Amino acid sequence: MVKTAESTLALDGLDDITNQSAHKSFLGREFLTWLWYFTENDEGRFEIELSSGAIGTAQIWLDDRIVLTSKTGRSHEHIIKGGVPSTSDEAAISLKSGKAVKEIKVGIDIDGTGVFFATLGGDELAPKGLKLPDPIDTSDQTVLEQRLEYVAVFTIALDTLFGRFMDERTGKLWDTTSIKSIRNWIQTRNNDATTIH
């Protein structure tokens, strides 16, 4: 294949996009760590503005899967699943040793809509395996219309949480108060945990 000036320029542009994405990937992992912190310190309760303009209440929690990975780029990955892994000694030790949250499964209960489950990855922040509430029997909407509405509600909830994180992350208190609280939370988790079995 002969390289033209246009194809070289396109490849250089693709490399730039890939590099920019890699440099910003830390933000997704920080968001997942913050989300974990938020579920345990604020009980995961928050308000969302629904598309109708109404204010709804919601609660998020970590479900049955957490993946933590080494920040040094080595392939040290710790997958904890089943039960309530966020409260396990293994999770506490992984956080204390500096592992970053790579992936978590969350549940979100949105009043008036139902319970959602999804897996969030820190690299792409796109929900995977989204499980929606069961459709309600109604003559006003088809099942497909209800499911599309549920996806929109879940997106609003996730955007609300990410917006709250970004407000805090870019705020004046992040470097002094917020990061100190999160580090303290990490250090005081399961203080009696010293080894992983």
N, C-alpha and C. Protein backbone atom coordinates (compact mmCIF):
# COMPACT_ATOMS: atom_id res chain seq x y z
N MET A 1 0.85 -1.18 0.00
CA MET A 1 0.00 0.00 0.00
C MET A 1 0.89 1.24 0.00
N VAL A 2 0.59 2.16 -0.88
CA VAL A 2 1.35 3.40 -1.00
C VAL A 2 0.77 4.43 -0.05
N LYS A 3 1.65 5.04 0.75
CA LYS A 3 1.19 6.08 1.67
C LYS A 3 1.14 7.41 0.94
N THR A 4 -0.01 8.03 1.00
CA THR A 4 -0.15 9.36 0.43
C THR A 4 -0.07 10.37 1.57
N ALA A 5 0.02 11.63 1.20
CA ALA A 5 0.07 12.68 2.22
C ALA A 5 -1.22 12.66 3.04
N GLU A 6 -2.36 12.37 2.38
CA GLU A 6 -3.64 12.34 3.09
C GLU A 6 -3.72 11.19 4.09
N SER A 7 -3.23 9.99 3.66
CA SER A 7 -3.29 8.85 4.57
C SER A 7 -2.35 9.03 5.75
N THR A 8 -1.18 9.64 5.52
CA THR A 8 -0.25 9.92 6.61
C THR A 8 -0.87 10.90 7.60
N LEU A 9 -1.53 11.93 7.05
CA LEU A 9 -2.19 12.92 7.91
C LEU A 9 -3.31 12.26 8.72
N ALA A 10 -4.07 11.37 8.09
CA ALA A 10 -5.15 10.68 8.79
C ALA A 10 -4.60 9.79 9.90
N LEU A 11 -3.49 9.08 9.63
CA LEU A 11 -2.88 8.22 10.64
C LEU A 11 -2.33 9.04 11.80
N ASP A 12 -1.71 10.19 11.48
CA ASP A 12 -1.21 11.07 12.53
C ASP A 12 -2.37 11.59 13.39
N GLY A 13 -3.50 11.92 12.76
CA GLY A 13 -4.67 12.39 13.50
C GLY A 13 -5.22 11.30 14.41
N LEU A 14 -5.22 10.04 13.91
CA LEU A 14 -5.69 8.91 14.71
C LEU A 14 -4.77 8.70 15.91
N ASP A 15 -3.47 8.83 15.70
CA ASP A 15 -2.52 8.70 16.82
C ASP A 15 -2.77 9.79 17.86
N ASP A 16 -3.05 11.02 17.41
CA ASP A 16 -3.33 12.11 18.35
C ASP A 16 -4.57 11.82 19.18
N ILE A 17 -5.61 11.32 18.52
CA ILE A 17 -6.84 11.00 19.24
C ILE A 17 -6.59 9.90 20.27
N THR A 18 -5.86 8.87 19.87
CA THR A 18 -5.55 7.76 20.77
C THR A 18 -4.73 8.25 21.97
N ASN A 19 -3.74 9.10 21.73
CA ASN A 19 -2.91 9.62 22.81
C ASN A 19 -3.70 10.50 23.76
N GLN A 20 -4.57 11.37 23.21
CA GLN A 20 -5.39 12.23 24.06
C GLN A 20 -6.32 11.39 24.93
N SER A 21 -6.91 10.36 24.34
CA SER A 21 -7.80 9.48 25.10
C SER A 21 -7.05 8.80 26.23
N ALA A 22 -5.84 8.31 25.95
CA ALA A 22 -5.05 7.63 26.97
C ALA A 22 -4.67 8.57 28.11
N HIS A 23 -4.38 9.83 27.78
CA HIS A 23 -4.01 10.78 28.81
C HIS A 23 -5.17 11.17 29.71
N LYS A 24 -6.40 10.99 29.23
CA LYS A 24 -7.58 11.36 30.02
C LYS A 24 -8.24 10.15 30.67
N SER A 25 -7.72 8.96 30.43
CA SER A 25 -8.39 7.76 30.95
C SER A 25 -8.40 7.70 32.48
N PHE A 26 -7.48 8.42 33.13
CA PHE A 26 -7.45 8.43 34.59
C PHE A 26 -8.75 8.98 35.17
N LEU A 27 -9.40 9.87 34.43
CA LEU A 27 -10.59 10.54 34.93
C LEU A 27 -11.73 9.55 35.19
N GLY A 28 -11.89 8.58 34.29
CA GLY A 28 -12.94 7.57 34.48
C GLY A 28 -12.69 6.73 35.71
N ARG A 29 -11.43 6.38 35.94
CA ARG A 29 -11.12 5.57 37.12
C ARG A 29 -11.28 6.38 38.40
N GLU A 30 -10.95 7.66 38.33
CA GLU A 30 -11.20 8.52 39.49
C GLU A 30 -12.70 8.63 39.76
N PHE A 31 -13.48 8.71 38.70
CA PHE A 31 -14.94 8.78 38.87
C PHE A 31 -15.46 7.53 39.55
N LEU A 32 -14.99 6.36 39.13
CA LEU A 32 -15.47 5.11 39.74
C LEU A 32 -15.06 5.03 41.21
N THR A 33 -13.85 5.48 41.54
CA THR A 33 -13.42 5.50 42.94
C THR A 33 -14.29 6.47 43.74
N TRP A 34 -14.51 7.65 43.16
CA TRP A 34 -15.37 8.63 43.82
C TRP A 34 -16.77 8.06 44.01
N LEU A 35 -17.29 7.36 43.01
CA LEU A 35 -18.64 6.78 43.08
C LEU A 35 -18.72 5.78 44.23
N TRP A 36 -17.70 4.96 44.39
CA TRP A 36 -17.63 4.01 45.49
C TRP A 36 -17.66 4.75 46.82
N TYR A 37 -16.81 5.78 46.93
CA TYR A 37 -16.76 6.63 48.12
C TYR A 37 -18.13 7.24 48.40
N PHE A 38 -18.76 7.75 47.35
CA PHE A 38 -20.08 8.39 47.47
C PHE A 38 -21.13 7.41 47.98
N THR A 39 -21.09 6.17 47.52
CA THR A 39 -22.08 5.18 47.96
C THR A 39 -21.93 4.85 49.44
N GLU A 40 -20.71 4.93 49.94
CA GLU A 40 -20.49 4.57 51.35
C GLU A 40 -20.57 5.76 52.31
N ASN A 41 -20.32 6.97 51.82
CA ASN A 41 -20.31 8.12 52.72
C ASN A 41 -21.56 8.98 52.62
N ASP A 42 -22.19 9.02 51.49
CA ASP A 42 -23.44 9.76 51.34
C ASP A 42 -24.60 8.81 51.11
N GLU A 43 -24.36 7.52 51.38
CA GLU A 43 -25.36 6.47 51.19
C GLU A 43 -25.86 6.40 49.75
N GLY A 44 -25.15 7.04 48.83
CA GLY A 44 -25.49 6.97 47.42
C GLY A 44 -26.78 7.66 47.04
N ARG A 45 -27.31 8.51 47.89
CA ARG A 45 -28.58 9.18 47.60
C ARG A 45 -28.32 10.48 46.82
N PHE A 46 -29.14 10.70 45.79
CA PHE A 46 -29.01 11.92 45.01
C PHE A 46 -30.35 12.22 44.33
N GLU A 47 -30.46 13.44 43.83
CA GLU A 47 -31.66 13.85 43.11
C GLU A 47 -31.34 13.99 41.64
N ILE A 48 -32.32 13.68 40.79
CA ILE A 48 -32.13 13.87 39.35
C ILE A 48 -33.32 14.65 38.80
N GLU A 49 -33.04 15.45 37.77
CA GLU A 49 -34.11 16.16 37.08
C GLU A 49 -34.51 15.32 35.89
N LEU A 50 -35.72 14.82 35.90
CA LEU A 50 -36.23 13.96 34.84
C LEU A 50 -36.59 14.80 33.61
N SER A 51 -36.74 14.13 32.47
CA SER A 51 -37.05 14.84 31.23
C SER A 51 -38.36 15.61 31.32
N SER A 52 -39.25 15.19 32.20
CA SER A 52 -40.53 15.89 32.38
C SER A 52 -40.35 17.19 33.18
N GLY A 53 -39.15 17.38 33.73
CA GLY A 53 -38.89 18.56 34.56
C GLY A 53 -39.06 18.28 36.04
N ALA A 54 -39.65 17.14 36.37
CA ALA A 54 -39.84 16.76 37.77
C ALA A 54 -38.50 16.36 38.39
N ILE A 55 -38.38 16.56 39.69
CA ILE A 55 -37.19 16.15 40.43
C ILE A 55 -37.46 14.78 41.04
N GLY A 56 -36.61 13.83 40.74
CA GLY A 56 -36.75 12.49 41.29
C GLY A 56 -35.63 12.18 42.25
N THR A 57 -35.86 11.26 43.15
CA THR A 57 -34.80 10.84 44.07
C THR A 57 -34.31 9.46 43.64
N ALA A 58 -33.04 9.21 43.91
CA ALA A 58 -32.43 7.95 43.50
C ALA A 58 -31.37 7.55 44.51
N GLN A 59 -31.00 6.29 44.45
CA GLN A 59 -29.92 5.77 45.30
C GLN A 59 -29.11 4.79 44.48
N ILE A 60 -27.79 4.95 44.54
CA ILE A 60 -26.87 4.05 43.83
C ILE A 60 -26.07 3.24 44.84
N TRP A 61 -25.74 2.01 44.49
CA TRP A 61 -24.89 1.17 45.33
C TRP A 61 -24.02 0.31 44.43
N LEU A 62 -22.92 -0.18 45.01
CA LEU A 62 -22.07 -1.13 44.28
C LEU A 62 -22.69 -2.50 44.43
N ASP A 63 -22.76 -3.21 43.31
CA ASP A 63 -23.39 -4.52 43.31
C ASP A 63 -22.33 -5.60 43.52
N ASP A 64 -22.35 -6.65 42.74
CA ASP A 64 -21.56 -7.84 43.07
C ASP A 64 -20.28 -8.03 42.25
N ARG A 65 -19.71 -6.95 41.70
CA ARG A 65 -18.46 -7.10 40.94
C ARG A 65 -17.65 -5.80 40.97
N ILE A 66 -16.37 -5.95 41.31
CA ILE A 66 -15.41 -4.84 41.28
C ILE A 66 -14.12 -5.36 40.66
N VAL A 67 -13.55 -4.59 39.77
CA VAL A 67 -12.25 -4.93 39.19
C VAL A 67 -11.30 -3.79 39.52
N LEU A 68 -10.20 -4.13 40.19
CA LEU A 68 -9.17 -3.15 40.53
C LEU A 68 -7.89 -3.53 39.80
N THR A 69 -7.12 -2.54 39.40
CA THR A 69 -5.92 -2.81 38.63
C THR A 69 -4.78 -1.90 39.08
N SER A 70 -3.57 -2.36 38.83
CA SER A 70 -2.38 -1.59 39.19
C SER A 70 -2.30 -0.35 38.34
N LYS A 71 -1.91 0.77 38.94
CA LYS A 71 -1.74 2.02 38.20
C LYS A 71 -0.43 2.07 37.43
N THR A 72 0.45 1.13 37.72
CA THR A 72 1.78 1.17 37.10
C THR A 72 1.80 0.58 35.71
N GLY A 73 0.68 0.10 35.22
CA GLY A 73 0.63 -0.46 33.88
C GLY A 73 0.93 -1.95 33.84
N ARG A 74 1.34 -2.52 34.95
CA ARG A 74 1.53 -3.96 34.97
C ARG A 74 0.18 -4.64 34.95
N SER A 75 0.17 -5.89 34.60
CA SER A 75 -1.11 -6.58 34.46
C SER A 75 -1.57 -7.19 35.78
N HIS A 76 -1.49 -6.43 36.84
CA HIS A 76 -1.96 -6.89 38.14
C HIS A 76 -3.41 -6.46 38.30
N GLU A 77 -4.32 -7.38 38.06
CA GLU A 77 -5.73 -7.08 38.13
C GLU A 77 -6.36 -7.95 39.21
N HIS A 78 -7.23 -7.34 39.98
CA HIS A 78 -7.89 -8.06 41.06
C HIS A 78 -9.40 -7.97 40.80
N ILE A 79 -10.02 -9.11 40.53
CA ILE A 79 -11.46 -9.18 40.28
C ILE A 79 -12.12 -9.76 41.53
N ILE A 80 -13.04 -9.00 42.10
CA ILE A 80 -13.76 -9.44 43.30
C ILE A 80 -15.24 -9.49 42.93
N LYS A 81 -15.84 -10.67 43.07
CA LYS A 81 -17.25 -10.78 42.70
C LYS A 81 -18.00 -11.68 43.65
N GLY A 82 -19.31 -11.50 43.64
CA GLY A 82 -20.18 -12.28 44.52
C GLY A 82 -20.38 -11.59 45.84
N GLY A 83 -21.54 -11.74 46.40
CA GLY A 83 -21.82 -11.12 47.70
C GLY A 83 -21.78 -9.60 47.60
N VAL A 84 -21.10 -8.99 48.55
CA VAL A 84 -20.93 -7.53 48.57
C VAL A 84 -19.42 -7.25 48.56
N PRO A 85 -18.79 -7.30 47.40
CA PRO A 85 -17.34 -7.19 47.34
C PRO A 85 -16.79 -5.85 47.81
N SER A 86 -17.61 -4.80 47.77
CA SER A 86 -17.12 -3.49 48.19
C SER A 86 -16.78 -3.44 49.67
N THR A 87 -17.32 -4.37 50.47
CA THR A 87 -17.04 -4.37 51.91
C THR A 87 -16.00 -5.43 52.28
N SER A 88 -15.43 -6.10 51.31
CA SER A 88 -14.50 -7.19 51.60
C SER A 88 -13.11 -6.68 51.98
N ASP A 89 -12.38 -7.52 52.71
CA ASP A 89 -11.00 -7.21 53.05
C ASP A 89 -10.15 -7.08 51.79
N GLU A 90 -10.43 -7.91 50.78
CA GLU A 90 -9.67 -7.88 49.53
C GLU A 90 -9.79 -6.52 48.85
N ALA A 91 -11.00 -5.96 48.86
CA ALA A 91 -11.22 -4.65 48.25
C ALA A 91 -10.47 -3.56 49.03
N ALA A 92 -10.54 -3.64 50.35
CA ALA A 92 -9.86 -2.65 51.19
C ALA A 92 -8.36 -2.68 50.96
N ILE A 93 -7.79 -3.88 50.93
CA ILE A 93 -6.35 -4.01 50.74
C ILE A 93 -5.93 -3.54 49.35
N SER A 94 -6.73 -3.86 48.34
CA SER A 94 -6.41 -3.43 46.98
C SER A 94 -6.40 -1.91 46.88
N LEU A 95 -7.39 -1.26 47.48
CA LEU A 95 -7.41 0.21 47.46
C LEU A 95 -6.21 0.78 48.21
N LYS A 96 -5.92 0.21 49.39
CA LYS A 96 -4.79 0.71 50.19
C LYS A 96 -3.46 0.53 49.48
N SER A 97 -3.35 -0.52 48.67
CA SER A 97 -2.09 -0.76 47.96
C SER A 97 -1.95 0.11 46.72
N GLY A 98 -2.96 0.94 46.43
CA GLY A 98 -2.85 1.87 45.32
C GLY A 98 -3.51 1.42 44.03
N LYS A 99 -4.22 0.31 44.08
CA LYS A 99 -4.91 -0.14 42.87
C LYS A 99 -6.05 0.83 42.53
N ALA A 100 -6.26 1.01 41.23
CA ALA A 100 -7.33 1.89 40.75
C ALA A 100 -8.55 1.06 40.40
N VAL A 101 -9.72 1.67 40.53
CA VAL A 101 -10.96 0.99 40.17
C VAL A 101 -11.09 1.02 38.65
N LYS A 102 -11.09 -0.16 38.06
CA LYS A 102 -11.18 -0.27 36.60
C LYS A 102 -12.61 -0.51 36.15
N GLU A 103 -13.39 -1.21 36.97
CA GLU A 103 -14.75 -1.56 36.57
C GLU A 103 -15.57 -1.88 37.81
N ILE A 104 -16.82 -1.44 37.82
CA ILE A 104 -17.73 -1.77 38.91
C ILE A 104 -19.11 -2.06 38.34
N LYS A 105 -19.83 -2.91 39.04
CA LYS A 105 -21.23 -3.14 38.72
C LYS A 105 -22.04 -2.36 39.74
N VAL A 106 -22.98 -1.57 39.25
CA VAL A 106 -23.79 -0.74 40.14
C VAL A 106 -25.27 -1.06 39.99
N GLY A 107 -26.01 -0.76 41.04
CA GLY A 107 -27.46 -0.77 41.01
C GLY A 107 -27.94 0.63 41.31
N ILE A 108 -28.98 1.07 40.62
CA ILE A 108 -29.56 2.39 40.88
C ILE A 108 -31.07 2.22 41.00
N ASP A 109 -31.59 2.65 42.14
CA ASP A 109 -33.04 2.62 42.37
C ASP A 109 -33.56 4.04 42.20
N ILE A 110 -34.37 4.25 41.17
CA ILE A 110 -34.92 5.57 40.89
C ILE A 110 -36.41 5.54 41.22
N ASP A 111 -36.79 6.36 42.21
CA ASP A 111 -38.18 6.38 42.66
C ASP A 111 -39.11 6.63 41.48
N GLY A 112 -40.18 5.83 41.41
CA GLY A 112 -41.16 5.99 40.36
C GLY A 112 -40.81 5.29 39.06
N THR A 113 -39.58 4.77 38.96
CA THR A 113 -39.16 4.08 37.73
C THR A 113 -38.79 2.65 38.01
N GLY A 114 -37.91 2.41 38.99
CA GLY A 114 -37.51 1.06 39.33
C GLY A 114 -36.01 0.93 39.51
N VAL A 115 -35.53 -0.31 39.50
CA VAL A 115 -34.13 -0.61 39.77
C VAL A 115 -33.42 -0.97 38.47
N PHE A 116 -32.26 -0.34 38.28
CA PHE A 116 -31.41 -0.56 37.12
C PHE A 116 -30.10 -1.20 37.59
N PHE A 117 -29.48 -2.03 36.75
CA PHE A 117 -28.15 -2.57 37.01
C PHE A 117 -27.31 -2.37 35.75
N ALA A 118 -26.03 -2.04 35.95
CA ALA A 118 -25.11 -1.90 34.81
C ALA A 118 -23.68 -2.02 35.32
N THR A 119 -22.80 -2.39 34.41
CA THR A 119 -21.37 -2.40 34.70
C THR A 119 -20.75 -1.18 34.06
N LEU A 120 -19.96 -0.43 34.85
CA LEU A 120 -19.29 0.77 34.36
C LEU A 120 -17.80 0.52 34.29
N GLY A 121 -17.21 0.79 33.15
CA GLY A 121 -15.76 0.67 32.98
C GLY A 121 -15.11 2.03 33.06
N GLY A 122 -14.00 2.12 33.76
CA GLY A 122 -13.32 3.40 33.95
C GLY A 122 -12.64 3.93 32.70
N ASP A 123 -12.32 3.06 31.75
CA ASP A 123 -11.63 3.52 30.56
C ASP A 123 -12.57 4.18 29.57
N GLU A 124 -13.77 3.65 29.43
CA GLU A 124 -14.69 4.19 28.43
C GLU A 124 -15.94 4.82 29.03
N LEU A 125 -16.24 4.53 30.29
CA LEU A 125 -17.41 5.05 31.01
C LEU A 125 -18.73 4.77 30.29
N ALA A 126 -18.75 3.79 29.43
CA ALA A 126 -20.00 3.39 28.77
C ALA A 126 -20.59 2.22 29.54
N PRO A 127 -21.86 2.32 29.93
CA PRO A 127 -22.47 1.21 30.68
C PRO A 127 -22.58 -0.04 29.81
N LYS A 128 -22.29 -1.17 30.43
CA LYS A 128 -22.42 -2.46 29.75
C LYS A 128 -23.43 -3.31 30.51
N GLY A 129 -24.11 -4.18 29.80
CA GLY A 129 -25.03 -5.11 30.45
C GLY A 129 -26.14 -4.41 31.20
N LEU A 130 -26.66 -3.33 30.64
CA LEU A 130 -27.71 -2.57 31.32
C LEU A 130 -28.97 -3.41 31.47
N LYS A 131 -29.40 -3.58 32.71
CA LYS A 131 -30.65 -4.30 33.01
C LYS A 131 -31.67 -3.26 33.46
N LEU A 132 -32.77 -3.22 32.73
CA LEU A 132 -33.81 -2.22 32.99
C LEU A 132 -34.91 -2.79 33.88
N PRO A 133 -35.68 -1.91 34.54
CA PRO A 133 -36.84 -2.39 35.30
C PRO A 133 -37.83 -3.07 34.35
N ASP A 134 -38.65 -3.93 34.90
CA ASP A 134 -39.70 -4.57 34.10
C ASP A 134 -40.69 -3.50 33.63
N PRO A 135 -41.14 -3.62 32.38
CA PRO A 135 -42.14 -2.66 31.88
C PRO A 135 -43.44 -2.75 32.67
N ILE A 136 -44.13 -1.64 32.76
CA ILE A 136 -45.41 -1.57 33.46
C ILE A 136 -46.51 -1.78 32.43
N ASP A 137 -47.53 -2.56 32.80
CA ASP A 137 -48.67 -2.73 31.90
C ASP A 137 -49.41 -1.41 31.79
N THR A 138 -49.44 -0.88 30.59
CA THR A 138 -50.14 0.38 30.36
C THR A 138 -50.58 0.44 28.91
N SER A 139 -51.67 1.10 28.67
CA SER A 139 -52.14 1.23 27.29
C SER A 139 -51.57 2.47 26.63
N ASP A 140 -50.89 3.32 27.42
CA ASP A 140 -50.34 4.56 26.87
C ASP A 140 -49.06 4.34 26.07
N GLN A 141 -48.25 3.36 26.44
CA GLN A 141 -46.96 3.14 25.80
C GLN A 141 -46.76 1.67 25.45
N THR A 142 -46.03 1.45 24.37
CA THR A 142 -45.64 0.08 24.05
C THR A 142 -44.46 -0.29 24.95
N VAL A 143 -44.14 -1.57 25.01
CA VAL A 143 -42.99 -2.03 25.80
C VAL A 143 -41.71 -1.37 25.30
N LEU A 144 -41.55 -1.26 23.99
CA LEU A 144 -40.35 -0.62 23.42
C LEU A 144 -40.25 0.83 23.84
N GLU A 145 -41.37 1.55 23.82
CA GLU A 145 -41.36 2.96 24.24
C GLU A 145 -40.96 3.08 25.72
N GLN A 146 -41.48 2.17 26.55
CA GLN A 146 -41.12 2.20 27.97
C GLN A 146 -39.63 1.93 28.15
N ARG A 147 -39.12 0.94 27.42
CA ARG A 147 -37.69 0.59 27.55
C ARG A 147 -36.81 1.76 27.10
N LEU A 148 -37.19 2.44 26.04
CA LEU A 148 -36.43 3.60 25.58
C LEU A 148 -36.47 4.72 26.62
N GLU A 149 -37.62 4.88 27.25
CA GLU A 149 -37.75 5.89 28.30
C GLU A 149 -36.87 5.51 29.51
N TYR A 150 -36.83 4.23 29.84
CA TYR A 150 -35.99 3.77 30.95
C TYR A 150 -34.51 4.02 30.66
N VAL A 151 -34.09 3.78 29.43
CA VAL A 151 -32.69 4.04 29.05
C VAL A 151 -32.39 5.53 29.23
N ALA A 152 -33.33 6.38 28.82
CA ALA A 152 -33.14 7.83 28.98
C ALA A 152 -33.03 8.21 30.45
N VAL A 153 -33.86 7.61 31.30
CA VAL A 153 -33.81 7.91 32.74
C VAL A 153 -32.48 7.46 33.34
N PHE A 154 -32.01 6.27 32.95
CA PHE A 154 -30.73 5.78 33.44
C PHE A 154 -29.60 6.72 33.00
N THR A 155 -29.65 7.18 31.75
CA THR A 155 -28.63 8.09 31.24
C THR A 155 -28.62 9.40 32.03
N ILE A 156 -29.81 9.91 32.34
CA ILE A 156 -29.90 11.14 33.15
C ILE A 156 -29.27 10.91 34.52
N ALA A 157 -29.56 9.77 35.14
CA ALA A 157 -29.00 9.48 36.46
C ALA A 157 -27.47 9.41 36.40
N LEU A 158 -26.94 8.71 35.41
CA LEU A 158 -25.49 8.58 35.28
C LEU A 158 -24.84 9.93 34.97
N ASP A 159 -25.47 10.70 34.09
CA ASP A 159 -24.95 12.04 33.77
C ASP A 159 -24.98 12.94 35.00
N THR A 160 -26.02 12.81 35.82
CA THR A 160 -26.12 13.60 37.04
C THR A 160 -24.97 13.28 37.99
N LEU A 161 -24.69 11.99 38.16
CA LEU A 161 -23.59 11.58 39.04
C LEU A 161 -22.25 12.05 38.49
N PHE A 162 -22.04 11.89 37.18
CA PHE A 162 -20.77 12.33 36.60
C PHE A 162 -20.63 13.85 36.70
N GLY A 163 -21.73 14.57 36.49
CA GLY A 163 -21.69 16.03 36.64
C GLY A 163 -21.35 16.45 38.06
N ARG A 164 -21.91 15.73 39.02
CA ARG A 164 -21.61 16.03 40.43
C ARG A 164 -20.13 15.77 40.73
N PHE A 165 -19.61 14.64 40.19
CA PHE A 165 -18.19 14.35 40.35
C PHE A 165 -17.33 15.43 39.72
N MET A 166 -17.66 15.83 38.49
CA MET A 166 -16.85 16.84 37.79
C MET A 166 -16.90 18.19 38.49
N ASP A 167 -18.06 18.55 39.03
CA ASP A 167 -18.15 19.80 39.81
C ASP A 167 -17.20 19.75 40.99
N GLU A 168 -17.17 18.61 41.67
CA GLU A 168 -16.28 18.47 42.81
C GLU A 168 -14.82 18.39 42.36
N ARG A 169 -14.58 17.63 41.28
CA ARG A 169 -13.20 17.40 40.80
C ARG A 169 -12.55 18.68 40.31
N THR A 170 -13.34 19.58 39.71
CA THR A 170 -12.79 20.83 39.19
C THR A 170 -12.98 21.99 40.16
N GLY A 171 -13.58 21.71 41.31
CA GLY A 171 -13.82 22.75 42.31
C GLY A 171 -12.57 23.09 43.11
N LYS A 172 -12.65 24.18 43.82
CA LYS A 172 -11.51 24.69 44.59
C LYS A 172 -11.12 23.77 45.75
N LEU A 173 -12.07 22.97 46.25
CA LEU A 173 -11.79 22.16 47.44
C LEU A 173 -11.25 20.77 47.11
N TRP A 174 -11.15 20.41 45.82
CA TRP A 174 -10.72 19.05 45.46
C TRP A 174 -9.34 18.74 46.05
N ASP A 175 -8.37 19.61 45.81
CA ASP A 175 -6.99 19.33 46.23
C ASP A 175 -6.78 19.39 47.74
N THR A 176 -7.67 20.05 48.43
CA THR A 176 -7.48 20.17 49.88
C THR A 176 -8.44 19.27 50.65
N THR A 177 -9.72 19.45 50.45
CA THR A 177 -10.72 18.74 51.25
C THR A 177 -11.14 17.41 50.66
N SER A 178 -11.58 17.41 49.41
CA SER A 178 -12.17 16.20 48.81
C SER A 178 -11.18 15.06 48.74
N ILE A 179 -10.01 15.30 48.18
CA ILE A 179 -9.03 14.22 48.01
C ILE A 179 -8.55 13.71 49.37
N LYS A 180 -8.48 14.61 50.34
CA LYS A 180 -8.09 14.20 51.69
C LYS A 180 -9.14 13.27 52.30
N SER A 181 -10.43 13.58 52.10
CA SER A 181 -11.51 12.74 52.61
C SER A 181 -11.51 11.36 51.95
N ILE A 182 -11.27 11.34 50.64
CA ILE A 182 -11.25 10.06 49.92
C ILE A 182 -10.06 9.23 50.37
N ARG A 183 -8.90 9.84 50.52
CA ARG A 183 -7.71 9.10 50.99
C ARG A 183 -7.92 8.57 52.41
N ASN A 184 -8.55 9.37 53.25
CA ASN A 184 -8.84 8.93 54.61
C ASN A 184 -9.82 7.74 54.60
N TRP A 185 -10.82 7.81 53.72
CA TRP A 185 -11.77 6.71 53.58
C TRP A 185 -11.05 5.44 53.16
N ILE A 186 -10.12 5.56 52.22
CA ILE A 186 -9.36 4.38 51.76
C ILE A 186 -8.53 3.81 52.90
N GLN A 187 -7.86 4.66 53.65
CA GLN A 187 -6.96 4.19 54.71
C GLN A 187 -7.69 3.60 55.91
N THR A 188 -8.90 4.03 56.15
CA THR A 188 -9.61 3.55 57.34
C THR A 188 -10.56 2.39 57.04
N ARG A 189 -10.64 1.96 55.80
CA ARG A 189 -11.49 0.82 55.45
C ARG A 189 -10.92 -0.47 56.04
N ASN A 190 -11.73 -1.23 56.70
CA ASN A 190 -11.34 -2.54 57.25
C ASN A 190 -9.91 -2.52 57.81
N ASN A 191 -9.69 -1.71 58.82
CA ASN A 191 -8.35 -1.55 59.37
C ASN A 191 -7.70 -2.85 59.84
N ASP A 192 -8.52 -3.86 60.16
CA ASP A 192 -7.94 -5.11 60.62
C ASP A 192 -7.51 -6.01 59.46
N ALA A 193 -7.82 -5.59 58.23
CA ALA A 193 -7.45 -6.41 57.06
C ALA A 193 -5.98 -6.19 56.71
N THR A 194 -5.19 -7.24 56.71
CA THR A 194 -3.78 -7.10 56.38
C THR A 194 -3.32 -8.04 55.29
N THR A 195 -4.09 -9.07 55.00
CA THR A 195 -3.69 -10.01 53.94
C THR A 195 -4.88 -10.40 53.10
N ILE A 196 -4.57 -10.78 51.87
CA ILE A 196 -5.59 -11.29 50.97
C ILE A 196 -5.46 -12.80 50.96
N HIS A 197 -6.56 -13.52 51.11
CA HIS A 197 -6.53 -14.98 51.13
C HIS A 197 -6.73 -15.52 49.75
